[in-house]
Amino acid sequence: MVPDIRSKGNKVTRKMKKIQIINGPNLNLLGKREPSVYGNASFESYLEELCKRYPQCEIHYYQSNVEGEMINKIHEVGFEFDGIVLNAGAYTHTSIALHDAIKAIETPVVEVHISNVHTREPFRHVSMISAACKGVILGFGMESYRLALESFVCTDK
């Protein structure tokens, strides 16, 4: 696939990539919730850093504690965005519905986790959504989101 390149006079520019970040349950409490696992920073403050670091991306952010609302957001953006970065939180381990929503769309999804779920409770070792995703990044703290963004910036999809 050839990337969408636009010419402005003598300058050639790439089309700005539209990336949706979706955070699931309890991730609205980042910075407050279990700082030993999730750190002290809110996601909103980290999002500001991401936007500054990736001016070539139009980054959208959505958080919900409700599975159905997350599915609706995936459906809403899943045919027009260049990528979705999804931290489904605990729904990762239980939601066949999120798996099916990811399979139903065209936009590639990268699953992310702040912690290394494989070093935590055994029920967190299984992901119901990984098989539907382009890739999985975990255990790098908030930087897991940046690494997922890199996967979209460095490829055509």
N, C-alpha and C. Protein backbone atom coordinates (compact mmCIF):
# COMPACT_ATOMS: atom_id res chain seq x y z
N MET A 1 0.83 -1.18 0.00
CA MET A 1 0.00 0.00 0.00
C MET A 1 0.88 1.24 0.00
N VAL A 2 0.56 2.20 -0.83
CA VAL A 2 1.31 3.45 -0.93
C VAL A 2 0.70 4.45 0.05
N PRO A 3 1.52 5.10 0.88
CA PRO A 3 0.98 6.08 1.82
C PRO A 3 0.38 7.27 1.09
N ASP A 4 -0.63 7.90 1.70
CA ASP A 4 -1.26 9.08 1.14
C ASP A 4 -0.29 10.25 1.29
N ILE A 5 0.27 10.70 0.18
CA ILE A 5 1.22 11.81 0.18
C ILE A 5 0.61 12.96 -0.59
N ARG A 6 0.67 14.14 -0.04
CA ARG A 6 0.11 15.33 -0.69
C ARG A 6 1.22 16.32 -0.99
N SER A 7 1.10 16.98 -2.09
CA SER A 7 2.12 17.94 -2.49
C SER A 7 1.62 19.35 -2.22
N LYS A 8 2.45 20.16 -1.58
CA LYS A 8 2.15 21.58 -1.34
C LYS A 8 3.28 22.37 -1.98
N GLY A 9 3.06 22.81 -3.17
CA GLY A 9 4.13 23.51 -3.89
C GLY A 9 5.27 22.55 -4.14
N ASN A 10 6.46 22.91 -3.69
CA ASN A 10 7.61 22.04 -3.83
C ASN A 10 7.76 21.09 -2.64
N LYS A 11 6.91 21.24 -1.66
CA LYS A 11 6.99 20.44 -0.45
C LYS A 11 6.06 19.23 -0.56
N VAL A 12 6.56 18.07 -0.16
CA VAL A 12 5.72 16.88 -0.12
C VAL A 12 5.43 16.56 1.34
N THR A 13 4.15 16.41 1.66
CA THR A 13 3.77 16.11 3.04
C THR A 13 2.92 14.84 3.07
N ARG A 14 3.00 14.15 4.17
CA ARG A 14 2.15 12.97 4.38
C ARG A 14 0.86 13.42 5.03
N LYS A 15 -0.20 12.68 4.75
CA LYS A 15 -1.48 12.93 5.38
C LYS A 15 -1.34 12.70 6.89
N MET A 16 -1.92 13.58 7.69
CA MET A 16 -1.89 13.44 9.14
C MET A 16 -2.65 12.17 9.53
N LYS A 17 -2.05 11.35 10.37
CA LYS A 17 -2.68 10.11 10.80
C LYS A 17 -3.65 10.38 11.95
N LYS A 18 -4.82 9.77 11.85
CA LYS A 18 -5.83 9.89 12.90
C LYS A 18 -5.75 8.64 13.77
N ILE A 19 -5.42 8.86 15.05
CA ILE A 19 -5.27 7.75 16.00
C ILE A 19 -6.25 7.96 17.15
N GLN A 20 -6.98 6.92 17.47
CA GLN A 20 -7.90 6.93 18.61
C GLN A 20 -7.29 6.12 19.74
N ILE A 21 -7.18 6.72 20.92
CA ILE A 21 -6.78 5.98 22.11
C ILE A 21 -8.05 5.73 22.91
N ILE A 22 -8.27 4.47 23.29
CA ILE A 22 -9.42 4.10 24.10
C ILE A 22 -8.93 3.43 25.37
N ASN A 23 -9.30 3.99 26.49
CA ASN A 23 -8.99 3.41 27.79
C ASN A 23 -10.26 2.87 28.43
N GLY A 24 -10.14 1.72 29.05
CA GLY A 24 -11.27 1.06 29.67
C GLY A 24 -11.42 1.36 31.15
N PRO A 25 -12.08 0.44 31.85
CA PRO A 25 -12.48 0.67 33.24
C PRO A 25 -11.31 0.95 34.17
N ASN A 26 -11.57 1.90 35.05
CA ASN A 26 -10.68 2.31 36.13
C ASN A 26 -9.44 3.08 35.67
N LEU A 27 -9.24 3.21 34.36
CA LEU A 27 -8.08 3.94 33.87
C LEU A 27 -8.27 5.45 33.98
N ASN A 28 -9.49 5.89 34.30
CA ASN A 28 -9.72 7.29 34.63
C ASN A 28 -9.08 7.65 35.97
N LEU A 29 -8.65 6.64 36.72
CA LEU A 29 -8.03 6.87 38.03
C LEU A 29 -6.51 6.81 37.99
N LEU A 30 -5.93 6.80 36.80
CA LEU A 30 -4.47 6.78 36.70
C LEU A 30 -3.90 8.00 37.44
N GLY A 31 -2.83 7.77 38.17
CA GLY A 31 -2.23 8.81 38.99
C GLY A 31 -2.70 8.73 40.43
N LYS A 32 -3.85 8.07 40.64
CA LYS A 32 -4.41 7.88 41.98
C LYS A 32 -4.47 6.41 42.35
N ARG A 33 -4.80 5.58 41.38
CA ARG A 33 -5.03 4.15 41.60
C ARG A 33 -3.71 3.39 41.63
N GLU A 34 -3.44 2.66 42.66
CA GLU A 34 -2.29 1.77 42.78
C GLU A 34 -1.03 2.35 42.11
N PRO A 35 -0.51 3.45 42.64
CA PRO A 35 0.66 4.08 42.01
C PRO A 35 1.85 3.15 41.88
N SER A 36 1.96 2.15 42.74
CA SER A 36 3.09 1.21 42.63
C SER A 36 2.99 0.37 41.36
N VAL A 37 1.79 0.22 40.84
CA VAL A 37 1.59 -0.55 39.60
C VAL A 37 1.49 0.38 38.39
N TYR A 38 0.72 1.47 38.54
CA TYR A 38 0.36 2.32 37.41
C TYR A 38 1.05 3.67 37.36
N GLY A 39 1.84 4.01 38.36
CA GLY A 39 2.54 5.28 38.37
C GLY A 39 1.72 6.41 38.98
N ASN A 40 2.32 7.60 39.01
CA ASN A 40 1.70 8.75 39.66
C ASN A 40 1.09 9.75 38.69
N ALA A 41 1.26 9.55 37.41
CA ALA A 41 0.79 10.53 36.42
C ALA A 41 -0.63 10.20 35.95
N SER A 42 -1.41 11.24 35.74
CA SER A 42 -2.74 11.05 35.14
C SER A 42 -2.55 10.77 33.64
N PHE A 43 -3.55 10.14 33.03
CA PHE A 43 -3.42 9.90 31.60
C PHE A 43 -3.47 11.21 30.83
N GLU A 44 -4.26 12.15 31.30
CA GLU A 44 -4.39 13.44 30.61
C GLU A 44 -3.05 14.16 30.50
N SER A 45 -2.24 14.10 31.57
CA SER A 45 -0.93 14.76 31.49
C SER A 45 -0.02 14.02 30.52
N TYR A 46 -0.10 12.71 30.50
CA TYR A 46 0.71 11.95 29.54
C TYR A 46 0.23 12.20 28.11
N LEU A 47 -1.07 12.33 27.93
CA LEU A 47 -1.63 12.60 26.60
C LEU A 47 -1.08 13.91 26.03
N GLU A 48 -0.92 14.92 26.87
CA GLU A 48 -0.33 16.18 26.42
C GLU A 48 1.06 15.95 25.85
N GLU A 49 1.86 15.13 26.54
CA GLU A 49 3.20 14.80 26.06
C GLU A 49 3.15 14.10 24.70
N LEU A 50 2.23 13.13 24.57
CA LEU A 50 2.10 12.40 23.31
C LEU A 50 1.75 13.34 22.15
N CYS A 51 0.83 14.26 22.40
CA CYS A 51 0.40 15.19 21.35
C CYS A 51 1.55 16.09 20.91
N LYS A 52 2.37 16.51 21.86
CA LYS A 52 3.53 17.34 21.52
C LYS A 52 4.57 16.52 20.74
N ARG A 53 4.75 15.29 21.14
CA ARG A 53 5.77 14.44 20.51
C ARG A 53 5.37 13.99 19.10
N TYR A 54 4.07 13.90 18.86
CA TYR A 54 3.57 13.42 17.56
C TYR A 54 2.67 14.45 16.90
N PRO A 55 3.24 15.58 16.48
CA PRO A 55 2.40 16.60 15.83
C PRO A 55 1.86 16.12 14.48
N GLN A 56 2.46 15.06 13.93
CA GLN A 56 1.99 14.52 12.66
C GLN A 56 0.76 13.63 12.83
N CYS A 57 0.31 13.48 14.07
CA CYS A 57 -0.87 12.67 14.36
C CYS A 57 -1.98 13.51 14.97
N GLU A 58 -3.17 13.21 14.57
CA GLU A 58 -4.37 13.78 15.18
C GLU A 58 -4.82 12.73 16.21
N ILE A 59 -4.51 12.96 17.47
CA ILE A 59 -4.75 11.97 18.52
C ILE A 59 -6.05 12.30 19.24
N HIS A 60 -6.95 11.33 19.25
CA HIS A 60 -8.22 11.45 19.95
C HIS A 60 -8.18 10.53 21.17
N TYR A 61 -8.83 10.95 22.24
CA TYR A 61 -8.82 10.15 23.47
C TYR A 61 -10.24 9.92 23.97
N TYR A 62 -10.49 8.69 24.40
CA TYR A 62 -11.79 8.32 24.95
C TYR A 62 -11.57 7.34 26.09
N GLN A 63 -12.28 7.53 27.19
CA GLN A 63 -12.23 6.60 28.32
C GLN A 63 -13.65 6.30 28.76
N SER A 64 -13.88 5.01 29.05
CA SER A 64 -15.18 4.62 29.58
C SER A 64 -15.01 3.43 30.51
N ASN A 65 -15.84 3.40 31.53
CA ASN A 65 -15.89 2.26 32.44
C ASN A 65 -16.95 1.26 31.99
N VAL A 66 -17.59 1.53 30.83
CA VAL A 66 -18.71 0.73 30.36
C VAL A 66 -18.33 0.02 29.06
N GLU A 67 -18.40 -1.30 29.07
CA GLU A 67 -18.01 -2.11 27.92
C GLU A 67 -18.76 -1.71 26.64
N GLY A 68 -20.06 -1.55 26.72
CA GLY A 68 -20.86 -1.21 25.54
C GLY A 68 -20.47 0.12 24.93
N GLU A 69 -20.12 1.10 25.77
CA GLU A 69 -19.68 2.40 25.27
C GLU A 69 -18.35 2.27 24.54
N MET A 70 -17.47 1.40 25.04
CA MET A 70 -16.18 1.17 24.36
C MET A 70 -16.43 0.53 22.99
N ILE A 71 -17.34 -0.42 22.93
CA ILE A 71 -17.68 -1.06 21.67
C ILE A 71 -18.25 -0.04 20.69
N ASN A 72 -19.13 0.82 21.17
CA ASN A 72 -19.69 1.87 20.31
C ASN A 72 -18.60 2.77 19.74
N LYS A 73 -17.60 3.12 20.57
CA LYS A 73 -16.51 3.98 20.09
C LYS A 73 -15.68 3.26 19.04
N ILE A 74 -15.40 1.98 19.26
CA ILE A 74 -14.67 1.18 18.27
C ILE A 74 -15.42 1.16 16.94
N HIS A 75 -16.73 0.96 16.99
CA HIS A 75 -17.54 0.98 15.77
C HIS A 75 -17.51 2.35 15.10
N GLU A 76 -17.57 3.40 15.91
CA GLU A 76 -17.62 4.77 15.39
C GLU A 76 -16.36 5.13 14.60
N VAL A 77 -15.19 4.74 15.10
CA VAL A 77 -13.93 5.15 14.47
C VAL A 77 -13.30 4.06 13.62
N GLY A 78 -13.83 2.87 13.67
CA GLY A 78 -13.19 1.70 13.09
C GLY A 78 -13.15 1.58 11.59
N PHE A 79 -13.70 2.57 10.89
CA PHE A 79 -13.66 2.53 9.43
C PHE A 79 -13.06 3.81 8.84
N GLU A 80 -12.67 4.74 9.72
CA GLU A 80 -12.15 6.00 9.21
C GLU A 80 -10.81 6.43 9.82
N PHE A 81 -10.43 5.85 10.94
CA PHE A 81 -9.16 6.21 11.58
C PHE A 81 -8.03 5.31 11.08
N ASP A 82 -6.80 5.76 11.29
CA ASP A 82 -5.63 4.99 10.86
C ASP A 82 -5.19 3.96 11.89
N GLY A 83 -5.60 4.15 13.13
CA GLY A 83 -5.22 3.20 14.16
C GLY A 83 -5.97 3.45 15.45
N ILE A 84 -6.10 2.37 16.23
CA ILE A 84 -6.70 2.45 17.56
C ILE A 84 -5.71 1.84 18.54
N VAL A 85 -5.44 2.58 19.60
CA VAL A 85 -4.63 2.09 20.72
C VAL A 85 -5.63 1.80 21.83
N LEU A 86 -5.72 0.53 22.22
CA LEU A 86 -6.75 0.10 23.16
C LEU A 86 -6.16 -0.51 24.42
N ASN A 87 -6.46 0.13 25.55
CA ASN A 87 -6.19 -0.47 26.85
C ASN A 87 -7.56 -0.79 27.42
N ALA A 88 -7.99 -2.02 27.28
CA ALA A 88 -9.33 -2.43 27.69
C ALA A 88 -9.43 -2.71 29.18
N GLY A 89 -8.33 -2.50 29.91
CA GLY A 89 -8.35 -2.75 31.35
C GLY A 89 -8.79 -4.18 31.62
N ALA A 90 -9.59 -4.36 32.65
CA ALA A 90 -10.03 -5.70 33.04
C ALA A 90 -10.88 -6.39 31.97
N TYR A 91 -11.50 -5.61 31.07
CA TYR A 91 -12.29 -6.24 29.99
C TYR A 91 -11.40 -7.06 29.06
N THR A 92 -10.11 -6.79 29.07
CA THR A 92 -9.16 -7.58 28.29
C THR A 92 -9.34 -9.07 28.56
N HIS A 93 -9.59 -9.39 29.79
CA HIS A 93 -9.58 -10.78 30.25
C HIS A 93 -10.96 -11.44 30.21
N THR A 94 -11.99 -10.66 29.84
CA THR A 94 -13.35 -11.20 29.92
C THR A 94 -14.21 -10.96 28.68
N SER A 95 -13.83 -10.04 27.81
CA SER A 95 -14.78 -9.54 26.81
C SER A 95 -14.62 -10.15 25.42
N ILE A 96 -15.47 -11.10 25.14
CA ILE A 96 -15.59 -11.62 23.78
C ILE A 96 -16.23 -10.55 22.89
N ALA A 97 -17.09 -9.73 23.48
CA ALA A 97 -17.75 -8.66 22.71
C ALA A 97 -16.73 -7.65 22.18
N LEU A 98 -15.73 -7.28 22.96
CA LEU A 98 -14.68 -6.38 22.46
C LEU A 98 -13.87 -7.08 21.36
N HIS A 99 -13.57 -8.34 21.55
CA HIS A 99 -12.87 -9.13 20.51
C HIS A 99 -13.64 -9.06 19.20
N ASP A 100 -14.94 -9.32 19.27
CA ASP A 100 -15.78 -9.31 18.07
C ASP A 100 -15.86 -7.92 17.44
N ALA A 101 -15.90 -6.88 18.25
CA ALA A 101 -15.94 -5.50 17.72
C ALA A 101 -14.66 -5.19 16.96
N ILE A 102 -13.52 -5.62 17.51
CA ILE A 102 -12.23 -5.38 16.84
C ILE A 102 -12.19 -6.13 15.52
N LYS A 103 -12.67 -7.36 15.51
CA LYS A 103 -12.68 -8.17 14.28
C LYS A 103 -13.60 -7.58 13.21
N ALA A 104 -14.63 -6.85 13.64
CA ALA A 104 -15.64 -6.33 12.72
C ALA A 104 -15.21 -5.06 11.98
N ILE A 105 -14.14 -4.41 12.42
CA ILE A 105 -13.75 -3.13 11.82
C ILE A 105 -12.53 -3.29 10.92
N GLU A 106 -12.22 -2.23 10.18
CA GLU A 106 -11.06 -2.23 9.28
C GLU A 106 -9.82 -1.62 9.93
N THR A 107 -10.01 -0.69 10.84
CA THR A 107 -8.89 0.00 11.47
C THR A 107 -8.10 -0.96 12.34
N PRO A 108 -6.77 -1.02 12.18
CA PRO A 108 -5.97 -1.89 13.04
C PRO A 108 -5.95 -1.40 14.49
N VAL A 109 -5.91 -2.36 15.41
CA VAL A 109 -5.92 -2.08 16.84
C VAL A 109 -4.67 -2.66 17.48
N VAL A 110 -4.01 -1.85 18.32
CA VAL A 110 -2.91 -2.35 19.14
C VAL A 110 -3.38 -2.35 20.59
N GLU A 111 -3.30 -3.52 21.19
CA GLU A 111 -3.66 -3.69 22.60
C GLU A 111 -2.48 -3.24 23.45
N VAL A 112 -2.75 -2.41 24.47
CA VAL A 112 -1.68 -1.98 25.37
C VAL A 112 -2.07 -2.22 26.82
N HIS A 113 -1.03 -2.40 27.63
CA HIS A 113 -1.18 -2.49 29.08
C HIS A 113 -0.01 -1.76 29.72
N ILE A 114 -0.28 -1.04 30.77
CA ILE A 114 0.75 -0.29 31.47
C ILE A 114 1.67 -1.25 32.22
N SER A 115 1.07 -2.22 32.89
CA SER A 115 1.86 -3.20 33.65
C SER A 115 2.11 -4.44 32.79
N ASN A 116 3.04 -5.25 33.24
CA ASN A 116 3.25 -6.55 32.60
C ASN A 116 2.25 -7.50 33.23
N VAL A 117 1.16 -7.76 32.54
CA VAL A 117 0.07 -8.57 33.09
C VAL A 117 0.53 -9.99 33.43
N HIS A 118 1.61 -10.45 32.82
CA HIS A 118 2.09 -11.81 33.06
C HIS A 118 2.84 -11.95 34.39
N THR A 119 3.12 -10.83 35.04
CA THR A 119 3.75 -10.88 36.36
C THR A 119 2.73 -10.65 37.47
N ARG A 120 1.47 -10.57 37.09
CA ARG A 120 0.40 -10.29 38.05
C ARG A 120 -0.46 -11.54 38.27
N GLU A 121 -1.65 -11.37 38.76
CA GLU A 121 -2.52 -12.50 39.07
C GLU A 121 -2.74 -13.38 37.83
N PRO A 122 -2.87 -14.70 38.03
CA PRO A 122 -3.03 -15.61 36.88
C PRO A 122 -4.21 -15.28 35.96
N PHE A 123 -5.32 -14.74 36.50
CA PHE A 123 -6.45 -14.42 35.63
C PHE A 123 -6.12 -13.31 34.64
N ARG A 124 -5.07 -12.53 34.89
CA ARG A 124 -4.66 -11.47 33.97
C ARG A 124 -3.75 -11.99 32.85
N HIS A 125 -3.37 -13.23 32.90
CA HIS A 125 -2.45 -13.79 31.91
C HIS A 125 -3.13 -14.10 30.58
N VAL A 126 -4.46 -14.12 30.57
CA VAL A 126 -5.22 -14.46 29.36
C VAL A 126 -5.92 -13.21 28.83
N SER A 127 -5.74 -12.95 27.55
CA SER A 127 -6.43 -11.84 26.89
C SER A 127 -7.44 -12.39 25.90
N MET A 128 -8.67 -11.91 26.00
CA MET A 128 -9.71 -12.30 25.05
C MET A 128 -9.62 -11.48 23.77
N ILE A 129 -8.83 -10.40 23.77
CA ILE A 129 -8.80 -9.52 22.60
C ILE A 129 -7.52 -9.61 21.78
N SER A 130 -6.45 -10.16 22.33
CA SER A 130 -5.15 -10.17 21.63
C SER A 130 -5.22 -10.75 20.23
N ALA A 131 -5.95 -11.85 20.06
CA ALA A 131 -6.00 -12.52 18.76
C ALA A 131 -6.65 -11.66 17.68
N ALA A 132 -7.43 -10.67 18.09
CA ALA A 132 -8.09 -9.79 17.12
C ALA A 132 -7.25 -8.55 16.81
N CYS A 133 -6.18 -8.34 17.56
CA CYS A 133 -5.38 -7.11 17.44
C CYS A 133 -4.17 -7.29 16.53
N LYS A 134 -3.69 -6.18 16.00
CA LYS A 134 -2.47 -6.15 15.18
C LYS A 134 -1.27 -6.55 16.01
N GLY A 135 -1.25 -6.14 17.29
CA GLY A 135 -0.14 -6.43 18.17
C GLY A 135 -0.50 -6.10 19.60
N VAL A 136 0.41 -6.46 20.50
CA VAL A 136 0.22 -6.23 21.93
C VAL A 136 1.51 -5.64 22.50
N ILE A 137 1.37 -4.57 23.30
CA ILE A 137 2.52 -3.96 23.97
C ILE A 137 2.16 -3.85 25.45
N LEU A 138 3.04 -4.37 26.30
CA LEU A 138 2.73 -4.34 27.73
C LEU A 138 3.98 -4.23 28.56
N GLY A 139 3.79 -3.67 29.75
CA GLY A 139 4.85 -3.65 30.73
C GLY A 139 5.80 -2.48 30.69
N PHE A 140 5.56 -1.50 29.85
CA PHE A 140 6.46 -0.36 29.74
C PHE A 140 5.89 0.90 30.39
N GLY A 141 4.97 0.73 31.30
CA GLY A 141 4.33 1.89 31.92
C GLY A 141 3.54 2.66 30.87
N MET A 142 3.44 3.96 31.08
CA MET A 142 2.71 4.80 30.11
C MET A 142 3.36 4.77 28.73
N GLU A 143 4.65 4.45 28.69
CA GLU A 143 5.36 4.39 27.40
C GLU A 143 4.78 3.32 26.48
N SER A 144 4.00 2.40 27.02
CA SER A 144 3.32 1.41 26.17
C SER A 144 2.45 2.11 25.12
N TYR A 145 1.83 3.23 25.48
CA TYR A 145 1.01 3.98 24.53
C TYR A 145 1.89 4.58 23.43
N ARG A 146 3.03 5.14 23.81
CA ARG A 146 3.94 5.72 22.81
C ARG A 146 4.42 4.67 21.84
N LEU A 147 4.77 3.50 22.36
CA LEU A 147 5.23 2.42 21.48
C LEU A 147 4.13 1.98 20.52
N ALA A 148 2.91 1.96 20.99
CA ALA A 148 1.79 1.63 20.11
C ALA A 148 1.62 2.70 19.02
N LEU A 149 1.73 3.97 19.42
CA LEU A 149 1.66 5.06 18.43
C LEU A 149 2.75 4.92 17.38
N GLU A 150 3.96 4.58 17.83
CA GLU A 150 5.08 4.38 16.90
C GLU A 150 4.73 3.32 15.85
N SER A 151 4.01 2.28 16.25
CA SER A 151 3.67 1.23 15.31
C SER A 151 2.80 1.74 14.16
N PHE A 152 2.02 2.79 14.43
CA PHE A 152 1.19 3.38 13.38
C PHE A 152 1.96 4.45 12.60
N VAL A 153 2.82 5.20 13.27
CA VAL A 153 3.58 6.27 12.61
C VAL A 153 4.59 5.68 11.63
N CYS A 154 5.17 4.55 12.01
CA CYS A 154 6.24 3.94 11.22
C CYS A 154 5.75 2.99 10.13
N THR A 155 4.43 2.83 10.00
CA THR A 155 3.88 1.95 8.97
C THR A 155 2.75 2.66 8.26
N ASP A 156 2.32 2.06 7.17
CA ASP A 156 1.19 2.64 6.44
C ASP A 156 -0.13 2.34 7.13
N LYS A 157 -0.18 1.33 7.95
CA LYS A 157 -1.40 1.00 8.72
C LYS A 157 -1.04 0.40 10.03
